[in-house]
N, C-alpha and C. Protein backbone atom coordinates (compact mmCIF):
# COMPACT_ATOMS: atom_id res chain seq x y z
N MET A 1 4.40 -24.52 -38.08
CA MET A 1 4.45 -25.07 -36.74
C MET A 1 5.32 -24.21 -35.81
N LYS A 2 6.46 -23.73 -36.34
CA LYS A 2 7.34 -22.89 -35.53
C LYS A 2 6.63 -21.59 -35.13
N ASN A 3 5.85 -21.02 -36.06
CA ASN A 3 5.10 -19.80 -35.75
C ASN A 3 4.06 -20.06 -34.67
N LEU A 4 3.42 -21.20 -34.72
CA LEU A 4 2.42 -21.56 -33.71
C LEU A 4 3.06 -21.66 -32.33
N ILE A 5 4.23 -22.23 -32.26
CA ILE A 5 4.95 -22.35 -30.98
C ILE A 5 5.33 -20.95 -30.48
N LYS A 6 5.79 -20.09 -31.37
CA LYS A 6 6.14 -18.72 -30.97
C LYS A 6 4.92 -17.97 -30.45
N ILE A 7 3.80 -18.11 -31.14
CA ILE A 7 2.57 -17.45 -30.71
C ILE A 7 2.13 -17.98 -29.36
N TYR A 8 2.17 -19.29 -29.19
CA TYR A 8 1.79 -19.91 -27.92
C TYR A 8 2.69 -19.39 -26.79
N THR A 9 4.00 -19.33 -27.05
CA THR A 9 4.94 -18.85 -26.05
C THR A 9 4.66 -17.39 -25.69
N LEU A 10 4.39 -16.57 -26.69
CA LEU A 10 4.09 -15.16 -26.46
C LEU A 10 2.81 -14.98 -25.65
N VAL A 11 1.77 -15.70 -26.00
CA VAL A 11 0.50 -15.62 -25.28
C VAL A 11 0.67 -16.08 -23.84
N THR A 12 1.40 -17.17 -23.65
CA THR A 12 1.65 -17.68 -22.30
C THR A 12 2.40 -16.64 -21.47
N ALA A 13 3.42 -16.03 -22.05
CA ALA A 13 4.19 -15.01 -21.34
C ALA A 13 3.31 -13.82 -20.97
N MET A 14 2.44 -13.40 -21.88
CA MET A 14 1.55 -12.27 -21.59
C MET A 14 0.57 -12.62 -20.48
N LEU A 15 0.05 -13.82 -20.49
CA LEU A 15 -0.88 -14.24 -19.44
C LEU A 15 -0.18 -14.31 -18.09
N MET A 16 1.04 -14.82 -18.08
CA MET A 16 1.79 -14.91 -16.82
C MET A 16 2.08 -13.51 -16.27
N THR A 17 2.44 -12.57 -17.15
CA THR A 17 2.68 -11.19 -16.72
C THR A 17 1.42 -10.59 -16.13
N SER A 18 0.29 -10.81 -16.77
CA SER A 18 -0.99 -10.30 -16.24
C SER A 18 -1.29 -10.91 -14.89
N PHE A 19 -1.00 -12.19 -14.73
CA PHE A 19 -1.25 -12.87 -13.46
C PHE A 19 -0.38 -12.28 -12.36
N VAL A 20 0.91 -12.06 -12.66
CA VAL A 20 1.82 -11.49 -11.68
C VAL A 20 1.37 -10.09 -11.29
N LEU A 21 1.00 -9.26 -12.26
CA LEU A 21 0.52 -7.91 -11.95
C LEU A 21 -0.76 -7.95 -11.14
N ALA A 22 -1.64 -8.88 -11.45
CA ALA A 22 -2.89 -9.02 -10.70
C ALA A 22 -2.60 -9.40 -9.26
N GLN A 23 -1.62 -10.27 -9.05
CA GLN A 23 -1.26 -10.66 -7.69
C GLN A 23 -0.81 -9.43 -6.89
N ASP A 24 0.00 -8.57 -7.52
CA ASP A 24 0.48 -7.37 -6.83
C ASP A 24 -0.68 -6.47 -6.44
N LYS A 25 -1.66 -6.34 -7.30
CA LYS A 25 -2.79 -5.45 -7.03
C LYS A 25 -3.67 -5.98 -5.91
N LYS A 26 -3.56 -7.25 -5.59
CA LYS A 26 -4.32 -7.78 -4.47
C LYS A 26 -3.75 -7.28 -3.15
N ALA A 27 -2.44 -7.39 -3.00
CA ALA A 27 -1.81 -7.10 -1.71
C ALA A 27 -1.51 -5.62 -1.50
N TYR A 28 -1.47 -4.83 -2.58
CA TYR A 28 -1.11 -3.43 -2.46
C TYR A 28 -2.20 -2.52 -3.01
N ASN A 29 -2.42 -1.43 -2.33
CA ASN A 29 -3.35 -0.40 -2.79
C ASN A 29 -2.58 0.49 -3.76
N ILE A 30 -2.62 0.12 -5.04
CA ILE A 30 -1.86 0.85 -6.06
C ILE A 30 -2.79 1.28 -7.19
N ASP A 31 -2.36 2.30 -7.93
CA ASP A 31 -3.14 2.73 -9.09
C ASP A 31 -2.71 1.92 -10.31
N ASN A 32 -3.21 2.26 -11.47
CA ASN A 32 -2.90 1.51 -12.68
C ASN A 32 -1.45 1.63 -13.12
N SER A 33 -0.72 2.58 -12.57
CA SER A 33 0.70 2.73 -12.86
C SER A 33 1.56 2.08 -11.79
N ASN A 34 0.93 1.32 -10.90
CA ASN A 34 1.61 0.65 -9.78
C ASN A 34 2.22 1.63 -8.78
N ILE A 35 1.66 2.83 -8.70
CA ILE A 35 2.14 3.83 -7.75
C ILE A 35 1.37 3.68 -6.45
N ALA A 36 2.12 3.57 -5.36
CA ALA A 36 1.51 3.40 -4.03
C ALA A 36 1.24 4.76 -3.39
N LEU A 37 0.33 4.76 -2.45
CA LEU A 37 0.07 5.91 -1.58
C LEU A 37 -0.33 7.16 -2.34
N GLU A 38 -0.89 6.98 -3.53
CA GLU A 38 -1.29 8.11 -4.39
C GLU A 38 -0.13 9.08 -4.61
N GLY A 39 1.09 8.54 -4.55
CA GLY A 39 2.28 9.36 -4.77
C GLY A 39 2.83 10.03 -3.52
N TYR A 40 2.23 9.79 -2.37
CA TYR A 40 2.74 10.37 -1.13
C TYR A 40 3.97 9.59 -0.67
N SER A 41 4.87 10.27 0.01
CA SER A 41 6.12 9.67 0.44
C SER A 41 5.96 8.81 1.69
N PRO A 42 6.32 7.53 1.62
CA PRO A 42 6.24 6.69 2.82
C PRO A 42 7.22 7.13 3.91
N VAL A 43 8.33 7.73 3.51
CA VAL A 43 9.32 8.19 4.48
C VAL A 43 8.79 9.39 5.26
N SER A 44 8.05 10.26 4.60
CA SER A 44 7.47 11.42 5.29
C SER A 44 6.51 11.00 6.39
N TYR A 45 5.70 9.98 6.11
CA TYR A 45 4.77 9.50 7.13
C TYR A 45 5.53 9.07 8.38
N LEU A 46 6.51 8.21 8.19
CA LEU A 46 7.16 7.59 9.33
C LEU A 46 8.19 8.50 10.00
N ASN A 47 9.01 9.17 9.23
CA ASN A 47 10.08 9.97 9.83
C ASN A 47 9.65 11.36 10.27
N LEU A 48 8.66 11.93 9.56
CA LEU A 48 8.25 13.31 9.86
C LEU A 48 6.86 13.41 10.45
N GLY A 49 6.07 12.34 10.35
CA GLY A 49 4.69 12.39 10.81
C GLY A 49 3.84 13.29 9.94
N LEU A 50 4.22 13.41 8.66
CA LEU A 50 3.52 14.28 7.72
C LEU A 50 3.11 13.52 6.47
N ALA A 51 2.01 13.93 5.88
CA ALA A 51 1.61 13.42 4.57
C ALA A 51 2.15 14.41 3.54
N GLN A 52 3.18 13.99 2.80
CA GLN A 52 3.80 14.86 1.80
C GLN A 52 3.82 14.16 0.45
N LYS A 53 3.36 14.85 -0.56
CA LYS A 53 3.37 14.31 -1.92
C LYS A 53 4.82 14.22 -2.40
N GLY A 54 5.19 13.05 -2.88
CA GLY A 54 6.52 12.87 -3.45
C GLY A 54 6.56 13.41 -4.87
N ILE A 55 7.75 13.41 -5.45
CA ILE A 55 7.90 13.86 -6.83
C ILE A 55 8.55 12.77 -7.68
N ARG A 56 8.23 12.82 -8.94
CA ARG A 56 8.64 11.79 -9.90
C ARG A 56 10.15 11.59 -9.96
N GLU A 57 10.91 12.66 -9.76
CA GLU A 57 12.37 12.57 -9.85
C GLU A 57 12.97 11.67 -8.78
N PHE A 58 12.26 11.52 -7.67
CA PHE A 58 12.75 10.69 -6.57
C PHE A 58 11.78 9.54 -6.36
N LYS A 59 12.04 8.44 -7.04
CA LYS A 59 11.15 7.29 -6.90
C LYS A 59 11.96 6.01 -6.83
N SER A 60 11.37 5.02 -6.19
CA SER A 60 11.97 3.70 -6.08
C SER A 60 10.90 2.66 -6.31
N GLU A 61 11.34 1.49 -6.69
CA GLU A 61 10.41 0.37 -6.86
C GLU A 61 10.78 -0.72 -5.87
N TYR A 62 9.77 -1.23 -5.20
CA TYR A 62 9.97 -2.35 -4.28
C TYR A 62 8.82 -3.31 -4.47
N ASP A 63 9.12 -4.57 -4.69
CA ASP A 63 8.10 -5.60 -4.88
C ASP A 63 7.11 -5.21 -5.99
N LYS A 64 7.65 -4.63 -7.07
CA LYS A 64 6.89 -4.21 -8.26
C LYS A 64 5.93 -3.05 -7.98
N VAL A 65 6.13 -2.36 -6.88
CA VAL A 65 5.30 -1.20 -6.52
C VAL A 65 6.21 0.03 -6.49
N VAL A 66 5.72 1.14 -7.04
CA VAL A 66 6.51 2.37 -7.14
C VAL A 66 6.14 3.32 -5.99
N TYR A 67 7.17 3.87 -5.36
CA TYR A 67 7.00 4.83 -4.27
C TYR A 67 7.71 6.12 -4.65
N TYR A 68 7.07 7.26 -4.36
CA TYR A 68 7.65 8.58 -4.61
C TYR A 68 8.13 9.18 -3.29
N PHE A 69 9.13 10.06 -3.41
CA PHE A 69 9.72 10.70 -2.24
C PHE A 69 9.89 12.19 -2.49
N THR A 70 10.11 12.94 -1.42
CA THR A 70 10.26 14.39 -1.55
C THR A 70 11.70 14.81 -1.82
N SER A 71 12.65 13.90 -1.58
CA SER A 71 14.06 14.26 -1.75
C SER A 71 14.91 13.02 -2.01
N ALA A 72 16.14 13.26 -2.42
CA ALA A 72 17.09 12.16 -2.63
C ALA A 72 17.39 11.47 -1.30
N GLU A 73 17.40 12.23 -0.21
CA GLU A 73 17.68 11.66 1.11
C GLU A 73 16.58 10.67 1.51
N GLN A 74 15.33 11.05 1.25
CA GLN A 74 14.22 10.14 1.56
C GLN A 74 14.32 8.87 0.72
N LYS A 75 14.62 9.03 -0.56
CA LYS A 75 14.76 7.87 -1.44
C LYS A 75 15.86 6.94 -0.93
N ALA A 76 16.98 7.52 -0.52
CA ALA A 76 18.11 6.72 -0.01
C ALA A 76 17.71 5.97 1.27
N ALA A 77 16.96 6.63 2.14
CA ALA A 77 16.50 5.98 3.38
C ALA A 77 15.60 4.79 3.04
N PHE A 78 14.69 4.97 2.11
CA PHE A 78 13.80 3.89 1.69
C PHE A 78 14.59 2.75 1.04
N ASP A 79 15.49 3.09 0.14
CA ASP A 79 16.27 2.07 -0.57
C ASP A 79 17.11 1.24 0.40
N LYS A 80 17.56 1.86 1.48
CA LYS A 80 18.38 1.16 2.47
C LYS A 80 17.55 0.16 3.28
N SER A 81 16.29 0.50 3.55
CA SER A 81 15.44 -0.33 4.41
C SER A 81 13.98 -0.23 3.99
N PRO A 82 13.62 -0.74 2.80
CA PRO A 82 12.25 -0.53 2.29
C PRO A 82 11.14 -1.09 3.17
N LYS A 83 11.35 -2.25 3.76
CA LYS A 83 10.28 -2.86 4.57
C LYS A 83 9.88 -1.98 5.74
N LYS A 84 10.84 -1.24 6.27
CA LYS A 84 10.58 -0.34 7.39
C LYS A 84 9.53 0.71 7.03
N TYR A 85 9.51 1.13 5.76
CA TYR A 85 8.67 2.24 5.33
C TYR A 85 7.38 1.83 4.63
N LEU A 86 7.12 0.55 4.52
CA LEU A 86 5.89 0.11 3.85
C LEU A 86 4.68 0.40 4.73
N PRO A 87 3.58 0.83 4.12
CA PRO A 87 2.37 1.08 4.91
C PRO A 87 1.78 -0.22 5.42
N GLN A 88 1.11 -0.15 6.53
CA GLN A 88 0.43 -1.34 7.05
C GLN A 88 -0.70 -1.74 6.12
N TYR A 89 -0.93 -3.02 6.01
CA TYR A 89 -2.04 -3.59 5.23
C TYR A 89 -2.01 -3.15 3.77
N GLY A 90 -0.79 -3.09 3.22
CA GLY A 90 -0.64 -2.79 1.81
C GLY A 90 -1.10 -1.40 1.42
N GLY A 91 -1.32 -0.53 2.40
CA GLY A 91 -1.79 0.82 2.11
C GLY A 91 -3.30 0.95 2.10
N TYR A 92 -3.99 -0.10 2.49
CA TYR A 92 -5.45 -0.02 2.60
C TYR A 92 -5.83 0.55 3.96
N CYS A 93 -7.07 0.97 4.10
CA CYS A 93 -7.58 1.55 5.34
C CYS A 93 -7.47 0.54 6.49
N ALA A 94 -6.79 0.92 7.56
CA ALA A 94 -6.59 0.03 8.70
C ALA A 94 -7.92 -0.36 9.35
N PHE A 95 -8.83 0.60 9.47
CA PHE A 95 -10.12 0.28 10.09
C PHE A 95 -10.92 -0.67 9.20
N GLY A 96 -10.83 -0.48 7.90
CA GLY A 96 -11.50 -1.39 6.97
C GLY A 96 -10.98 -2.81 7.11
N VAL A 97 -9.66 -2.95 7.20
CA VAL A 97 -9.06 -4.28 7.37
C VAL A 97 -9.50 -4.88 8.70
N TYR A 98 -9.53 -4.06 9.74
CA TYR A 98 -10.04 -4.52 11.04
C TYR A 98 -11.47 -5.06 10.90
N ALA A 99 -12.28 -4.37 10.09
CA ALA A 99 -13.68 -4.77 9.89
C ALA A 99 -13.84 -5.88 8.86
N GLY A 100 -12.73 -6.25 8.20
CA GLY A 100 -12.78 -7.37 7.25
C GLY A 100 -12.97 -6.96 5.80
N ALA A 101 -12.58 -5.72 5.45
CA ALA A 101 -12.74 -5.26 4.06
C ALA A 101 -11.56 -4.37 3.67
N LYS A 102 -11.38 -4.22 2.36
CA LYS A 102 -10.34 -3.34 1.84
C LYS A 102 -10.98 -2.05 1.31
N PHE A 103 -10.55 -0.92 1.87
CA PHE A 103 -11.01 0.38 1.40
C PHE A 103 -9.80 1.24 1.08
N ARG A 104 -9.93 2.05 0.04
CA ARG A 104 -8.86 3.00 -0.29
C ARG A 104 -8.91 4.14 0.72
N PRO A 105 -7.78 4.45 1.33
CA PRO A 105 -7.76 5.51 2.33
C PRO A 105 -7.54 6.89 1.72
N ASP A 106 -7.75 7.88 2.54
CA ASP A 106 -7.35 9.25 2.23
C ASP A 106 -5.89 9.35 2.71
N PRO A 107 -4.94 9.66 1.83
CA PRO A 107 -3.54 9.69 2.25
C PRO A 107 -3.22 10.73 3.33
N ASN A 108 -4.14 11.65 3.57
CA ASN A 108 -3.93 12.64 4.63
C ASN A 108 -4.46 12.19 5.98
N LYS A 109 -5.11 11.04 6.03
CA LYS A 109 -5.64 10.51 7.29
C LYS A 109 -4.79 9.32 7.70
N PHE A 110 -3.97 9.50 8.71
CA PHE A 110 -3.04 8.45 9.12
C PHE A 110 -2.67 8.61 10.59
N ILE A 111 -2.14 7.55 11.14
CA ILE A 111 -1.61 7.54 12.50
C ILE A 111 -0.25 6.85 12.44
N VAL A 112 0.73 7.40 13.15
CA VAL A 112 2.03 6.76 13.29
C VAL A 112 2.12 6.26 14.72
N LYS A 113 2.37 4.97 14.87
CA LYS A 113 2.46 4.39 16.21
C LYS A 113 3.37 3.17 16.17
N ASP A 114 4.23 3.05 17.16
CA ASP A 114 5.12 1.90 17.29
C ASP A 114 5.96 1.66 16.04
N GLY A 115 6.43 2.73 15.42
CA GLY A 115 7.29 2.60 14.25
C GLY A 115 6.59 2.16 12.99
N LYS A 116 5.27 2.30 12.94
CA LYS A 116 4.48 1.92 11.77
C LYS A 116 3.47 3.03 11.50
N TYR A 117 2.98 3.07 10.27
CA TYR A 117 1.92 4.04 9.99
C TYR A 117 0.72 3.33 9.38
N PHE A 118 -0.44 3.83 9.76
CA PHE A 118 -1.73 3.26 9.41
C PHE A 118 -2.53 4.33 8.69
N LEU A 119 -3.12 3.97 7.56
CA LEU A 119 -3.91 4.91 6.76
C LEU A 119 -5.39 4.64 6.96
N TYR A 120 -6.23 5.67 6.72
CA TYR A 120 -7.66 5.56 7.01
C TYR A 120 -8.52 6.18 5.92
N LEU A 121 -9.67 5.57 5.72
CA LEU A 121 -10.69 6.09 4.81
C LEU A 121 -11.29 7.36 5.41
N TYR A 122 -11.58 8.31 4.54
CA TYR A 122 -12.29 9.51 4.97
C TYR A 122 -13.16 9.96 3.81
N ASN A 123 -14.45 10.13 4.07
CA ASN A 123 -15.35 10.73 3.08
C ASN A 123 -16.46 11.45 3.83
N LEU A 124 -17.47 11.90 3.14
CA LEU A 124 -18.54 12.68 3.78
C LEU A 124 -19.29 11.90 4.85
N GLU A 125 -19.32 10.59 4.71
CA GLU A 125 -20.11 9.78 5.64
C GLU A 125 -19.28 9.06 6.70
N LEU A 126 -17.98 8.97 6.50
CA LEU A 126 -17.19 8.16 7.41
C LEU A 126 -15.79 8.73 7.60
N ASP A 127 -15.39 8.83 8.86
CA ASP A 127 -14.02 9.18 9.20
C ASP A 127 -13.46 7.98 9.98
N ALA A 128 -12.83 7.06 9.25
CA ALA A 128 -12.36 5.81 9.86
C ALA A 128 -11.26 6.05 10.89
N GLN A 129 -10.49 7.10 10.72
CA GLN A 129 -9.45 7.42 11.69
C GLN A 129 -10.09 7.76 13.04
N GLN A 130 -11.17 8.52 13.02
CA GLN A 130 -11.87 8.86 14.26
C GLN A 130 -12.48 7.61 14.90
N LEU A 131 -13.03 6.72 14.09
CA LEU A 131 -13.57 5.47 14.63
C LEU A 131 -12.47 4.68 15.34
N TRP A 132 -11.30 4.61 14.72
CA TRP A 132 -10.16 3.89 15.28
C TRP A 132 -9.76 4.52 16.62
N LEU A 133 -9.63 5.83 16.62
CA LEU A 133 -9.21 6.53 17.84
C LEU A 133 -10.26 6.45 18.94
N THR A 134 -11.54 6.46 18.56
CA THR A 134 -12.63 6.38 19.53
C THR A 134 -12.61 5.04 20.27
N GLU A 135 -12.19 4.00 19.58
CA GLU A 135 -12.09 2.67 20.22
C GLU A 135 -11.12 2.70 21.39
N ASN A 136 -10.10 3.56 21.28
CA ASN A 136 -9.12 3.74 22.35
C ASN A 136 -8.44 2.44 22.76
N ASN A 137 -8.21 1.55 21.78
CA ASN A 137 -7.51 0.30 22.05
C ASN A 137 -6.74 -0.11 20.80
N HIS A 138 -5.71 0.64 20.49
CA HIS A 138 -4.92 0.43 19.28
C HIS A 138 -4.43 -1.01 19.15
N ASP A 139 -3.89 -1.56 20.22
CA ASP A 139 -3.32 -2.91 20.15
C ASP A 139 -4.37 -3.96 19.80
N LYS A 140 -5.56 -3.84 20.36
CA LYS A 140 -6.64 -4.79 20.05
C LYS A 140 -7.06 -4.67 18.59
N LEU A 141 -7.19 -3.45 18.11
CA LEU A 141 -7.58 -3.23 16.72
C LEU A 141 -6.52 -3.76 15.76
N VAL A 142 -5.25 -3.51 16.06
CA VAL A 142 -4.16 -4.00 15.22
C VAL A 142 -4.13 -5.52 15.20
N LYS A 143 -4.32 -6.13 16.35
CA LYS A 143 -4.31 -7.60 16.41
C LYS A 143 -5.38 -8.19 15.50
N LYS A 144 -6.58 -7.66 15.57
CA LYS A 144 -7.68 -8.15 14.73
C LYS A 144 -7.42 -7.83 13.26
N ALA A 145 -6.92 -6.63 12.97
CA ALA A 145 -6.62 -6.25 11.58
C ALA A 145 -5.52 -7.15 11.01
N ASP A 146 -4.50 -7.45 11.82
CA ASP A 146 -3.43 -8.36 11.38
C ASP A 146 -4.00 -9.73 11.01
N GLU A 147 -4.90 -10.24 11.85
CA GLU A 147 -5.53 -11.53 11.57
C GLU A 147 -6.33 -11.46 10.26
N ASN A 148 -7.12 -10.42 10.11
CA ASN A 148 -7.94 -10.27 8.89
C ASN A 148 -7.08 -10.10 7.65
N TRP A 149 -5.95 -9.40 7.78
CA TRP A 149 -5.10 -9.13 6.63
C TRP A 149 -4.56 -10.42 6.02
N GLU A 150 -4.33 -11.42 6.84
CA GLU A 150 -3.84 -12.71 6.31
C GLU A 150 -4.79 -13.26 5.26
N ASN A 151 -6.08 -13.07 5.43
CA ASN A 151 -7.06 -13.52 4.44
C ASN A 151 -7.31 -12.49 3.35
N LEU A 152 -7.32 -11.22 3.71
CA LEU A 152 -7.65 -10.16 2.76
C LEU A 152 -6.56 -9.87 1.73
N LYS A 153 -5.30 -10.05 2.12
CA LYS A 153 -4.22 -9.62 1.23
C LYS A 153 -4.20 -10.36 -0.10
N ASN A 154 -4.84 -11.50 -0.18
CA ASN A 154 -4.88 -12.26 -1.42
C ASN A 154 -6.21 -12.13 -2.15
N THR A 155 -6.98 -11.11 -1.81
CA THR A 155 -8.27 -10.89 -2.47
C THR A 155 -8.26 -9.53 -3.16
N TYR A 156 -9.12 -9.39 -4.15
CA TYR A 156 -9.27 -8.09 -4.80
C TYR A 156 -10.18 -7.23 -3.94
N ASN A 157 -9.95 -5.91 -3.98
CA ASN A 157 -10.81 -5.02 -3.19
C ASN A 157 -12.08 -4.73 -3.92
């Protein structure tokens, strides 16, 4: 009987861990290692206006998501104020969220505006950043994307 209780407890703990990890994958565009932004530095986007690949030696975890940085200084800036450096819409394509869907963006396609950065899908058939810019109404697009994100952030992509 004691073994059965131990097994039940272990299985329950494993299921709860899976549930918690699944919840994180809904709200964040992360890989199977829980790495955000395909390893690009969130601080580089916001502070430098550049897409720069971070390195493993400089990483931090926030809300069970791992972020890489290019230097100890970037890591320190993130650790001091992580929410400031989080990508909009969990790192999903801003235009996709505006349209009501979650798409993985190209980390090199982004816009920095009003102290935030927005990532965009790019492939042979679609340049979502250009679509966003062509609309020429950032505030309207953000307002609609913000509304859609409230429903999308709890769904799988």
